N, C-alpha and C. Protein backbone atom coordinates (compact mmCIF):
# COMPACT_ATOMS: atom_id res chain seq x y z
N MET A 1 1.16 -1.44 -0.09
CA MET A 1 0.08 -0.16 0.05
C MET A 1 0.69 1.30 0.32
N GLN A 2 1.87 1.21 0.88
CA GLN A 2 2.31 2.50 0.88
C GLN A 2 3.58 2.79 -0.69
N VAL A 3 3.69 1.73 -1.05
CA VAL A 3 4.75 2.29 -2.51
C VAL A 3 3.55 2.52 -3.28
N SER A 4 2.27 2.05 -3.14
CA SER A 4 1.18 2.94 -4.25
C SER A 4 1.04 4.52 -4.15
N TYR A 5 1.05 4.54 -2.68
CA TYR A 5 0.94 5.97 -2.25
C TYR A 5 1.98 6.79 -3.15
N ALA A 6 3.31 6.01 -3.02
CA ALA A 6 4.67 6.89 -3.32
C ALA A 6 4.92 7.03 -4.96
N ILE A 7 4.19 5.89 -5.39
CA ILE A 7 4.42 5.74 -6.91
C ILE A 7 2.90 6.86 -7.56
N ARG A 8 2.16 7.30 -6.93
CA ARG A 8 0.79 8.28 -6.78
C ARG A 8 1.64 9.59 -6.91
N ALA A 9 2.36 9.67 -5.68
CA ALA A 9 3.12 11.07 -5.34
C ALA A 9 3.80 11.63 -6.59
N VAL A 10 4.77 10.65 -6.76
CA VAL A 10 5.77 10.72 -7.67
C VAL A 10 5.13 11.21 -9.11
N GLY A 11 4.19 10.61 -9.19
CA GLY A 11 3.48 11.10 -10.65
C GLY A 11 2.63 12.23 -10.85
N TRP A 12 2.09 12.66 -9.58
CA TRP A 12 1.58 14.01 -9.76
C TRP A 12 2.83 14.77 -9.51
N ILE A 13 3.95 14.57 -8.98
CA ILE A 13 4.59 15.87 -8.89
C ILE A 13 5.38 15.83 -10.24
N GLU A 14 5.69 14.90 -10.98
CA GLU A 14 5.96 15.27 -12.13
C GLU A 14 5.14 15.74 -13.31
N ALA A 15 3.84 15.17 -12.96
CA ALA A 15 2.80 16.32 -13.71
C ALA A 15 2.72 17.55 -13.49
N GLY A 16 3.19 17.94 -12.39
CA GLY A 16 2.85 19.12 -11.76
C GLY A 16 4.25 20.17 -12.10
N LEU A 17 5.41 19.50 -12.66
CA LEU A 17 6.27 19.77 -12.96
C LEU A 17 6.55 20.05 -14.65
N TRP A 18 5.93 19.15 -15.09
CA TRP A 18 5.29 19.43 -16.26
C TRP A 18 4.54 20.60 -16.85
N ALA A 19 3.77 20.70 -16.20
CA ALA A 19 2.93 22.06 -16.38
C ALA A 19 3.37 22.94 -15.86
N LEU A 20 4.34 23.10 -14.76
CA LEU A 20 5.03 24.29 -14.39
C LEU A 20 5.94 24.73 -15.38
N GLY A 21 6.52 23.50 -16.23
CA GLY A 21 7.53 24.20 -17.39
C GLY A 21 7.24 24.56 -18.41
N THR A 22 5.87 24.01 -18.74
CA THR A 22 5.05 24.36 -19.88
C THR A 22 4.63 25.63 -19.71
N SER A 23 3.95 26.17 -18.56
CA SER A 23 3.25 27.37 -18.47
C SER A 23 4.82 28.39 -18.38
N ALA A 24 5.80 28.18 -17.84
CA ALA A 24 6.87 29.01 -17.93
C ALA A 24 7.77 29.09 -19.53
N LEU A 25 7.76 28.43 -20.16
CA LEU A 25 7.77 28.40 -21.51
C LEU A 25 6.56 29.32 -22.76
N PHE A 26 5.25 29.09 -22.25
CA PHE A 26 4.38 30.17 -22.57
C PHE A 26 4.79 31.22 -22.50
N VAL A 27 5.00 31.47 -21.05
CA VAL A 27 5.33 33.27 -20.50
C VAL A 27 6.40 33.92 -20.84
N VAL A 28 7.60 33.16 -21.29
CA VAL A 28 8.80 33.75 -21.90
C VAL A 28 8.30 33.74 -23.44
N GLY A 29 7.58 33.10 -24.07
CA GLY A 29 7.48 33.22 -25.75
C GLY A 29 6.60 34.55 -25.59
N TYR A 30 5.54 34.75 -24.76
CA TYR A 30 4.57 35.82 -24.41
C TYR A 30 5.71 37.17 -24.35
N VAL A 31 6.51 37.13 -23.37
CA VAL A 31 7.47 38.38 -23.30
C VAL A 31 8.12 38.66 -24.42
N TRP A 32 8.84 37.63 -25.47
CA TRP A 32 9.58 37.88 -26.16
C TRP A 32 8.91 38.23 -27.49
N SER A 33 7.75 37.67 -27.50
CA SER A 33 6.72 38.03 -28.55
C SER A 33 6.75 39.59 -28.54
N ASP A 34 5.79 39.92 -27.16
CA ASP A 34 5.72 41.30 -27.11
C ASP A 34 6.83 42.12 -27.36
N ALA A 35 8.11 41.87 -26.65
CA ALA A 35 9.12 42.91 -27.20
C ALA A 35 9.47 42.68 -28.37
N ARG A 36 9.58 41.89 -29.22
CA ARG A 36 9.43 42.02 -30.84
C ARG A 36 8.64 43.05 -31.47
N ASP A 37 7.53 42.83 -30.65
CA ASP A 37 6.24 43.38 -31.36
C ASP A 37 6.61 45.01 -31.09
N ALA A 38 6.72 45.09 -29.79
CA ALA A 38 7.09 46.87 -29.41
C ALA A 38 8.18 46.92 -30.38
N GLN A 39 9.09 46.63 -30.40
CA GLN A 39 10.67 46.96 -31.16
C GLN A 39 9.88 47.57 -32.37
N GLN A 40 9.30 46.75 -33.18
CA GLN A 40 8.77 46.76 -34.42
C GLN A 40 7.92 47.84 -34.93
N HIS A 41 6.87 47.96 -33.81
CA HIS A 41 5.91 49.37 -33.69
C HIS A 41 6.70 50.49 -33.40
N GLY A 42 7.60 50.34 -32.72
CA GLY A 42 8.55 51.63 -32.12
C GLY A 42 9.40 52.14 -33.30
N ALA A 43 9.83 51.35 -34.11
CA ALA A 43 10.71 51.53 -35.10
C ALA A 43 9.64 52.07 -36.34
N GLN A 44 8.90 51.65 -36.84
CA GLN A 44 7.56 52.32 -37.82
C GLN A 44 7.31 53.52 -37.19
N GLU A 45 7.18 53.82 -35.93
CA GLU A 45 6.57 55.17 -35.64
C GLU A 45 7.69 56.21 -35.89
N LEU A 46 8.82 55.82 -35.48
CA LEU A 46 9.90 57.11 -35.40
C LEU A 46 10.23 57.16 -36.89
N ARG A 47 10.33 56.20 -37.57
CA ARG A 47 10.28 56.37 -38.87
C ARG A 47 9.16 57.48 -39.72
N GLU A 48 8.16 57.14 -39.13
CA GLU A 48 6.85 58.12 -39.77
C GLU A 48 7.16 59.60 -38.96
N LEU A 49 7.35 59.47 -37.61
CA LEU A 49 7.71 60.65 -37.40
C LEU A 49 8.69 61.79 -37.69
N ILE A 50 10.06 60.59 -38.29
CA ILE A 50 11.01 61.63 -38.77
C ILE A 50 10.79 61.75 -40.18
N LEU A 51 10.30 61.21 -41.16
CA LEU A 51 9.78 61.39 -42.58
C LEU A 51 8.74 62.46 -42.57
N THR A 52 7.58 62.49 -41.41
CA THR A 52 6.75 63.31 -41.84
C THR A 52 6.76 64.48 -40.56
N PRO A 53 7.68 65.29 -40.32
CA PRO A 53 7.61 66.25 -39.42
C PRO A 53 6.22 66.84 -38.79
N SER A 54 5.40 66.78 -39.82
CA SER A 54 4.15 67.71 -39.45
C SER A 54 3.15 66.71 -38.25
N LEU A 55 3.46 65.51 -38.48
CA LEU A 55 2.63 64.44 -37.75
C LEU A 55 3.13 65.19 -36.19
N PRO A 56 1.75 64.85 -35.27
CA PRO A 56 2.01 65.75 -34.02
C PRO A 56 2.78 64.78 -33.05
N ARG A 57 3.45 65.08 -32.36
CA ARG A 57 4.30 64.31 -31.31
C ARG A 57 3.56 63.69 -30.40
N PRO A 58 4.03 62.18 -29.98
CA PRO A 58 3.46 61.09 -29.02
C PRO A 58 3.16 62.16 -27.78
N ALA A 59 2.30 61.77 -27.10
CA ALA A 59 2.67 62.77 -25.35
C ALA A 59 3.62 61.67 -24.67
N SER A 60 4.35 62.12 -23.94
CA SER A 60 4.87 61.52 -23.35
C SER A 60 4.18 60.90 -21.81
N HIS A 61 4.31 59.73 -21.67
CA HIS A 61 3.75 58.85 -20.74
C HIS A 61 4.33 57.57 -20.84
N GLU A 62 4.30 57.05 -19.75
CA GLU A 62 4.78 55.34 -19.44
C GLU A 62 4.92 54.71 -20.76
N GLY A 63 5.64 54.19 -21.37
CA GLY A 63 5.87 53.09 -22.61
C GLY A 63 5.71 53.94 -24.05
N SER A 64 5.21 55.28 -24.07
CA SER A 64 5.69 56.16 -25.39
C SER A 64 6.83 55.97 -25.62
N LEU A 65 7.04 56.07 -26.85
CA LEU A 65 8.13 55.87 -27.49
C LEU A 65 9.07 57.18 -27.58
N VAL A 66 10.19 57.33 -27.62
CA VAL A 66 11.08 58.22 -27.18
C VAL A 66 12.37 58.22 -28.44
N GLY A 67 12.98 57.08 -29.05
CA GLY A 67 13.67 56.68 -30.09
C GLY A 67 14.52 55.57 -30.05
N ARG A 68 15.75 55.67 -30.23
CA ARG A 68 16.03 54.33 -30.65
C ARG A 68 18.05 54.48 -30.05
N VAL A 69 18.35 53.58 -29.31
CA VAL A 69 19.83 53.83 -29.03
C VAL A 69 20.36 52.73 -29.72
N GLU A 70 21.71 52.75 -30.19
CA GLU A 70 22.55 52.28 -31.39
C GLU A 70 24.07 52.49 -30.89
N ILE A 71 24.77 51.30 -30.61
CA ILE A 71 26.25 50.85 -30.21
C ILE A 71 26.47 50.22 -31.44
N ALA A 72 27.05 50.72 -32.56
CA ALA A 72 27.28 49.84 -33.89
C ALA A 72 28.20 48.84 -33.63
N ARG A 73 29.44 49.17 -32.96
CA ARG A 73 30.25 47.60 -32.27
C ARG A 73 29.87 46.70 -31.71
N LEU A 74 28.70 47.04 -30.85
CA LEU A 74 28.27 46.07 -29.85
C LEU A 74 27.23 45.44 -30.61
N ASN A 75 26.50 45.90 -31.72
CA ASN A 75 25.47 45.37 -32.56
C ASN A 75 24.21 45.50 -31.71
N ILE A 76 24.27 46.60 -31.03
CA ILE A 76 23.16 47.13 -30.21
C ILE A 76 21.98 48.19 -30.86
N SER A 77 20.77 47.72 -31.11
CA SER A 77 19.83 48.69 -31.60
C SER A 77 18.81 48.35 -31.27
N ALA A 78 18.17 49.06 -30.21
CA ALA A 78 16.95 49.15 -29.95
C ALA A 78 16.10 50.77 -29.39
N MET A 79 15.07 50.19 -29.37
CA MET A 79 14.02 51.17 -29.13
C MET A 79 13.97 51.67 -27.75
N ILE A 80 13.81 53.01 -27.46
CA ILE A 80 13.79 53.65 -26.55
C ILE A 80 12.33 53.98 -25.96
N PHE A 81 11.53 53.80 -25.12
CA PHE A 81 10.16 54.05 -24.40
C PHE A 81 10.53 54.72 -23.29
N GLU A 82 9.26 55.64 -22.81
CA GLU A 82 9.35 56.50 -21.92
C GLU A 82 9.10 55.65 -20.16
N GLY A 83 9.90 56.08 -19.46
CA GLY A 83 9.69 55.25 -18.03
C GLY A 83 10.45 53.73 -17.89
N THR A 84 10.32 53.10 -16.86
CA THR A 84 11.12 52.13 -16.16
C THR A 84 10.39 51.00 -15.49
N SER A 85 9.39 51.18 -15.68
CA SER A 85 8.26 50.09 -15.30
C SER A 85 8.70 48.52 -16.00
N GLU A 86 8.39 47.80 -15.18
CA GLU A 86 8.95 46.10 -15.49
C GLU A 86 8.36 45.86 -17.00
N ARG A 87 7.41 46.59 -17.04
CA ARG A 87 6.38 46.47 -18.68
C ARG A 87 7.32 47.13 -19.80
N THR A 88 7.69 48.32 -19.31
CA THR A 88 8.40 48.92 -20.47
C THR A 88 9.82 48.51 -20.51
N LEU A 89 10.60 48.12 -19.47
CA LEU A 89 11.78 47.37 -19.59
C LEU A 89 11.62 46.10 -20.57
N ASP A 90 10.69 45.18 -20.31
CA ASP A 90 10.45 44.02 -20.95
C ASP A 90 10.47 44.23 -22.12
N ARG A 91 10.21 45.34 -22.77
CA ARG A 91 9.81 45.62 -24.45
C ARG A 91 10.65 46.33 -24.72
N GLY A 92 11.70 47.13 -24.06
CA GLY A 92 12.90 48.02 -24.70
C GLY A 92 13.47 48.21 -23.74
N VAL A 93 14.42 49.80 -24.23
CA VAL A 93 15.05 50.43 -23.05
C VAL A 93 14.33 51.61 -22.60
N GLY A 94 14.30 51.49 -21.66
CA GLY A 94 13.63 52.66 -20.89
C GLY A 94 14.47 53.90 -20.65
N HIS A 95 13.54 54.86 -20.65
CA HIS A 95 14.29 56.60 -20.32
C HIS A 95 13.91 56.94 -18.72
N LEU A 96 14.30 57.01 -18.18
CA LEU A 96 13.91 57.64 -16.77
C LEU A 96 13.63 59.11 -16.94
N THR A 97 12.17 58.64 -16.48
CA THR A 97 11.51 60.02 -16.59
C THR A 97 12.13 61.38 -15.90
N SER A 98 13.05 61.17 -14.94
CA SER A 98 13.26 62.24 -14.28
C SER A 98 14.54 62.81 -14.94
N SER A 99 15.48 62.05 -16.04
CA SER A 99 16.41 62.91 -16.59
C SER A 99 15.73 63.55 -17.66
N ALA A 100 17.03 64.09 -18.46
CA ALA A 100 16.71 65.27 -19.50
C ALA A 100 16.48 64.17 -20.75
N LYS A 101 15.66 64.61 -21.55
CA LYS A 101 15.29 64.27 -22.86
C LYS A 101 16.76 64.32 -23.57
N PRO A 102 16.78 63.55 -24.89
CA PRO A 102 17.90 63.53 -25.84
C PRO A 102 17.84 64.52 -26.45
N GLU A 103 17.20 65.36 -26.90
CA GLU A 103 17.15 66.75 -27.54
C GLU A 103 17.53 67.91 -26.44
N GLY A 104 17.35 67.53 -25.46
CA GLY A 104 17.60 68.48 -24.40
C GLY A 104 19.23 68.92 -24.11
N SER A 105 19.24 69.27 -22.92
CA SER A 105 20.61 69.59 -22.20
C SER A 105 20.76 68.63 -21.07
N GLY A 106 21.71 67.99 -20.57
CA GLY A 106 21.64 67.32 -19.13
C GLY A 106 22.42 66.18 -19.28
N ASN A 107 21.56 65.07 -18.39
CA ASN A 107 22.07 63.79 -18.35
C ASN A 107 20.74 63.17 -18.66
N VAL A 108 21.12 62.59 -19.76
CA VAL A 108 19.95 61.34 -20.07
C VAL A 108 20.29 59.97 -19.62
N VAL A 109 19.26 59.26 -18.99
CA VAL A 109 19.60 58.19 -18.15
C VAL A 109 18.52 56.89 -19.19
N LEU A 110 19.23 56.62 -19.27
CA LEU A 110 18.53 55.11 -20.39
C LEU A 110 18.79 53.82 -19.36
N ALA A 111 17.95 53.14 -19.36
CA ALA A 111 18.02 51.52 -18.48
C ALA A 111 17.38 50.56 -19.61
N ALA A 112 18.15 49.02 -18.93
CA ALA A 112 17.70 48.11 -19.78
C ALA A 112 18.02 46.98 -19.13
N HIS A 113 17.59 45.66 -19.35
CA HIS A 113 17.79 44.69 -18.88
C HIS A 113 18.67 43.90 -19.22
N ARG A 114 19.93 43.71 -18.63
CA ARG A 114 20.85 42.94 -18.82
C ARG A 114 21.12 41.40 -19.56
N ASP A 115 20.04 41.09 -19.44
CA ASP A 115 19.55 39.74 -20.12
C ASP A 115 18.98 39.82 -21.47
N THR A 116 18.51 40.90 -21.87
CA THR A 116 17.93 41.10 -23.38
C THR A 116 18.60 42.58 -24.10
N PHE A 117 17.99 43.74 -23.86
CA PHE A 117 18.99 44.29 -24.60
C PHE A 117 19.88 44.95 -24.28
N PHE A 118 20.60 45.22 -23.39
CA PHE A 118 21.80 45.38 -22.71
C PHE A 118 23.04 44.56 -22.16
N ARG A 119 22.32 43.03 -22.94
CA ARG A 119 23.44 42.20 -22.64
C ARG A 119 24.93 42.60 -23.19
N PRO A 120 24.80 43.20 -24.69
CA PRO A 120 26.28 43.52 -25.32
C PRO A 120 26.96 44.52 -24.19
N LEU A 121 26.45 45.28 -23.24
CA LEU A 121 27.24 46.03 -22.63
C LEU A 121 28.31 45.54 -21.99
N GLN A 122 28.37 44.34 -21.79
CA GLN A 122 29.84 43.75 -21.18
C GLN A 122 30.89 44.16 -21.73
N SER A 123 30.62 44.00 -23.54
CA SER A 123 31.71 44.22 -23.98
C SER A 123 32.21 45.77 -24.38
N VAL A 124 31.52 46.67 -23.72
CA VAL A 124 31.95 48.19 -23.99
C VAL A 124 33.18 48.63 -23.82
N ARG A 125 33.68 49.75 -24.53
CA ARG A 125 34.84 50.24 -24.17
C ARG A 125 34.91 51.70 -24.32
N VAL A 126 35.58 52.42 -23.44
CA VAL A 126 35.98 53.44 -23.57
C VAL A 126 36.35 54.23 -25.26
N GLY A 127 35.69 55.15 -25.89
CA GLY A 127 35.83 55.73 -27.23
C GLY A 127 34.54 54.83 -27.99
N ASP A 128 33.85 54.22 -27.41
CA ASP A 128 32.86 53.58 -28.35
C ASP A 128 31.60 54.71 -28.53
N GLY A 129 31.38 54.79 -29.75
CA GLY A 129 30.17 55.83 -30.07
C GLY A 129 28.74 55.22 -30.01
N ILE A 130 27.89 56.08 -29.40
CA ILE A 130 26.58 55.91 -29.13
C ILE A 130 25.72 56.77 -29.81
N VAL A 131 24.92 56.43 -30.75
CA VAL A 131 23.51 57.33 -31.24
C VAL A 131 22.62 57.26 -30.97
N VAL A 132 21.85 58.21 -30.51
CA VAL A 132 20.39 58.16 -30.14
C VAL A 132 19.50 58.98 -30.90
N THR A 133 18.67 58.18 -31.92
CA THR A 133 17.87 59.05 -32.66
C THR A 133 16.43 59.13 -31.81
N THR A 134 16.09 60.42 -31.87
CA THR A 134 14.78 60.97 -31.98
C THR A 134 13.64 61.85 -33.17
N PRO A 135 12.58 61.65 -32.85
CA PRO A 135 12.09 62.20 -33.77
C PRO A 135 12.74 64.01 -34.27
N GLN A 136 13.74 64.30 -33.35
CA GLN A 136 13.92 65.79 -33.32
C GLN A 136 15.47 65.41 -34.14
N GLY A 137 16.40 64.31 -34.25
CA GLY A 137 17.08 64.38 -34.83
C GLY A 137 17.98 63.28 -33.98
N GLN A 138 19.64 63.22 -34.53
CA GLN A 138 20.59 62.04 -34.02
C GLN A 138 21.23 62.94 -33.02
N HIS A 139 21.48 62.16 -31.82
CA HIS A 139 22.56 62.89 -30.82
C HIS A 139 23.47 61.78 -30.68
N ARG A 140 24.77 61.86 -31.10
CA ARG A 140 25.90 61.25 -30.77
C ARG A 140 26.50 61.45 -29.55
N TYR A 141 27.22 60.16 -28.65
CA TYR A 141 27.75 60.07 -27.59
C TYR A 141 29.31 59.39 -28.11
N GLU A 142 30.12 59.62 -26.92
CA GLU A 142 31.55 58.85 -26.89
C GLU A 142 31.67 58.53 -25.56
N VAL A 143 31.66 57.11 -25.41
CA VAL A 143 31.73 56.57 -24.03
C VAL A 143 33.30 56.89 -23.51
N LYS A 144 32.96 57.41 -22.18
CA LYS A 144 34.04 57.90 -21.54
C LYS A 144 34.45 57.14 -20.53
N SER A 145 33.76 56.55 -20.06
CA SER A 145 33.98 55.52 -18.51
C SER A 145 32.86 54.54 -18.25
N THR A 146 33.30 53.69 -17.47
CA THR A 146 32.19 52.44 -17.09
C THR A 146 32.68 52.54 -15.51
N GLU A 147 31.62 51.71 -14.92
CA GLU A 147 31.45 51.74 -12.98
C GLU A 147 30.63 50.69 -12.72
N ILE A 148 30.70 50.12 -11.58
CA ILE A 148 29.86 49.43 -10.80
C ILE A 148 29.36 49.72 -9.77
N VAL A 149 28.03 50.05 -9.27
CA VAL A 149 27.90 50.56 -8.18
C VAL A 149 26.93 49.59 -7.42
N GLN A 150 26.37 50.09 -6.59
CA GLN A 150 25.16 49.27 -5.27
C GLN A 150 24.27 50.18 -6.09
N PRO A 151 22.97 49.62 -5.87
CA PRO A 151 21.80 49.95 -6.45
C PRO A 151 21.17 51.08 -5.59
N THR A 152 21.57 51.31 -4.63
CA THR A 152 21.09 52.68 -3.64
C THR A 152 21.98 53.63 -4.09
N ASN A 153 23.08 53.67 -4.80
CA ASN A 153 23.66 54.98 -5.25
C ASN A 153 22.99 55.47 -6.42
N VAL A 154 22.32 56.49 -6.17
CA VAL A 154 21.77 57.40 -7.21
C VAL A 154 22.37 58.49 -7.66
N SER A 155 24.16 58.82 -7.55
CA SER A 155 24.34 59.73 -7.87
C SER A 155 24.58 59.49 -9.56
N VAL A 156 24.40 58.52 -9.72
CA VAL A 156 24.71 58.52 -11.77
C VAL A 156 23.48 58.75 -12.01
N ILE A 157 22.61 58.96 -11.66
CA ILE A 157 21.48 59.61 -12.14
C ILE A 157 21.08 61.18 -12.10
N GLN A 158 21.90 61.67 -11.64
CA GLN A 158 21.66 63.14 -11.02
C GLN A 158 21.80 63.87 -12.23
N PRO A 159 20.83 65.18 -12.11
CA PRO A 159 21.15 66.12 -13.56
C PRO A 159 22.94 66.62 -13.64
N THR A 160 23.25 66.97 -14.86
CA THR A 160 24.72 67.24 -14.98
C THR A 160 24.58 68.77 -16.00
N SER A 161 25.30 69.63 -15.68
CA SER A 161 25.29 70.60 -16.40
C SER A 161 25.84 70.39 -17.82
N GLU A 162 26.49 68.95 -18.04
CA GLU A 162 26.94 68.83 -19.42
C GLU A 162 25.94 68.08 -20.00
N ASN A 163 26.39 68.05 -21.18
CA ASN A 163 25.21 67.11 -21.82
C ASN A 163 25.96 65.52 -21.88
N THR A 164 25.40 64.77 -20.82
CA THR A 164 25.84 63.11 -21.02
C THR A 164 24.87 62.14 -21.17
N LEU A 165 25.36 61.03 -21.41
CA LEU A 165 24.24 60.00 -21.43
C LEU A 165 24.99 58.95 -20.71
N THR A 166 23.85 58.41 -19.87
CA THR A 166 23.83 57.50 -18.87
C THR A 166 23.45 56.07 -19.10
N LEU A 167 24.07 54.98 -19.19
CA LEU A 167 23.48 53.96 -19.60
C LEU A 167 23.41 52.90 -18.29
N ILE A 168 22.36 52.37 -17.56
CA ILE A 168 22.36 51.14 -16.52
C ILE A 168 21.88 49.85 -16.99
N THR A 169 22.42 49.12 -16.21
CA THR A 169 21.89 47.80 -16.60
C THR A 169 22.48 47.22 -15.23
N CYS A 170 21.51 45.78 -14.87
CA CYS A 170 22.28 44.90 -13.67
C CYS A 170 23.55 44.34 -13.70
N TYR A 171 24.07 44.19 -12.93
CA TYR A 171 25.46 43.62 -13.12
C TYR A 171 25.55 42.23 -11.63
N PRO A 172 26.37 41.01 -11.80
CA PRO A 172 26.88 40.75 -12.61
C PRO A 172 26.28 40.42 -14.05
N PHE A 173 26.74 40.02 -15.40
CA PHE A 173 25.73 40.02 -16.30
C PHE A 173 25.27 38.84 -16.68
N THR A 174 25.99 37.88 -16.20
CA THR A 174 25.83 36.34 -16.00
C THR A 174 25.02 35.92 -14.67
N PHE A 175 24.74 36.71 -13.39
CA PHE A 175 24.03 36.28 -12.69
C PHE A 175 22.64 35.93 -12.72
N VAL A 176 22.37 34.74 -12.19
CA VAL A 176 20.94 34.35 -12.45
C VAL A 176 19.97 34.76 -11.04
N GLY A 177 19.21 35.56 -11.23
CA GLY A 177 18.02 36.50 -10.34
C GLY A 177 18.50 37.51 -10.45
N ALA A 178 17.94 38.05 -9.40
CA ALA A 178 18.14 39.65 -8.64
C ALA A 178 19.68 39.80 -8.62
N ALA A 179 20.51 40.35 -9.69
CA ALA A 179 21.54 41.15 -9.66
C ALA A 179 21.86 41.76 -8.66
N PRO A 180 22.71 41.77 -7.97
CA PRO A 180 23.44 42.59 -6.74
C PRO A 180 23.57 44.20 -7.15
N GLU A 181 24.06 44.50 -8.16
CA GLU A 181 24.78 45.80 -8.51
C GLU A 181 24.26 45.99 -9.60
N ARG A 182 24.93 47.37 -10.28
CA ARG A 182 24.25 48.06 -11.33
C ARG A 182 25.51 48.41 -12.16
N PHE A 183 25.79 48.04 -13.72
CA PHE A 183 26.70 48.43 -14.51
C PHE A 183 26.40 49.63 -15.08
N ILE A 184 27.09 50.53 -14.97
CA ILE A 184 27.03 52.01 -15.33
C ILE A 184 28.01 52.22 -16.51
N VAL A 185 27.35 52.82 -17.71
CA VAL A 185 28.25 53.59 -18.71
C VAL A 185 28.20 55.06 -19.08
N HIS A 186 29.08 55.70 -18.80
CA HIS A 186 29.27 57.52 -18.74
C HIS A 186 29.55 57.75 -20.25
N ALA A 187 28.94 58.44 -20.89
CA ALA A 187 29.44 58.80 -22.46
C ALA A 187 28.72 60.48 -22.49
N ASP A 188 29.71 61.26 -22.89
CA ASP A 188 29.49 62.42 -23.40
C ASP A 188 29.08 62.95 -24.53
N ARG A 189 28.19 63.91 -24.68
CA ARG A 189 27.88 63.78 -26.31
C ARG A 189 28.79 64.52 -26.98
N SER A 190 29.15 64.22 -28.20
CA SER A 190 29.99 64.54 -29.06
C SER A 190 29.68 66.02 -29.93
N LYS A 191 31.19 66.61 -29.96
CA LYS A 191 30.72 68.06 -30.56
C LYS A 191 30.32 67.83 -32.08
């Protein structure tokens, strides 16, 4: 009798694990599909805004289009959306709402997940060029330094008098789960 219960329990555990694994695959598939669709839609919207300057500019709210960030040497090309909510960061690069706009002056702060859009940042080098394209034009930056900070260190997102770009992602890049540190890229606007 005891063996029968044990065999049934193992069967239930196996079925539960299969269901959990299948559900996880569906969730990952949905997130990837949603991100791909958001990237394609954002790229199309940016093209239309650049080609037709008379189009009204989208309102700035969580998830709205900001532009595109590109680092050619690292093959990074990702759409930037306003805000840094989990949904926004699942779909693209997020613009920290309290930071400067790319077409303005000051410290533009962009964040993305280390396991998606900003994964290639692990190979960034001083001197790498970064292009941020918005409906108002292209803004070029050059990487000046990188650093690793604690998540509580908010000095990296403070306003600056210079035109700077700060990229933020979690660190270490290969960490499983919620990473304990942040990888920061500092760049200055090119003249």
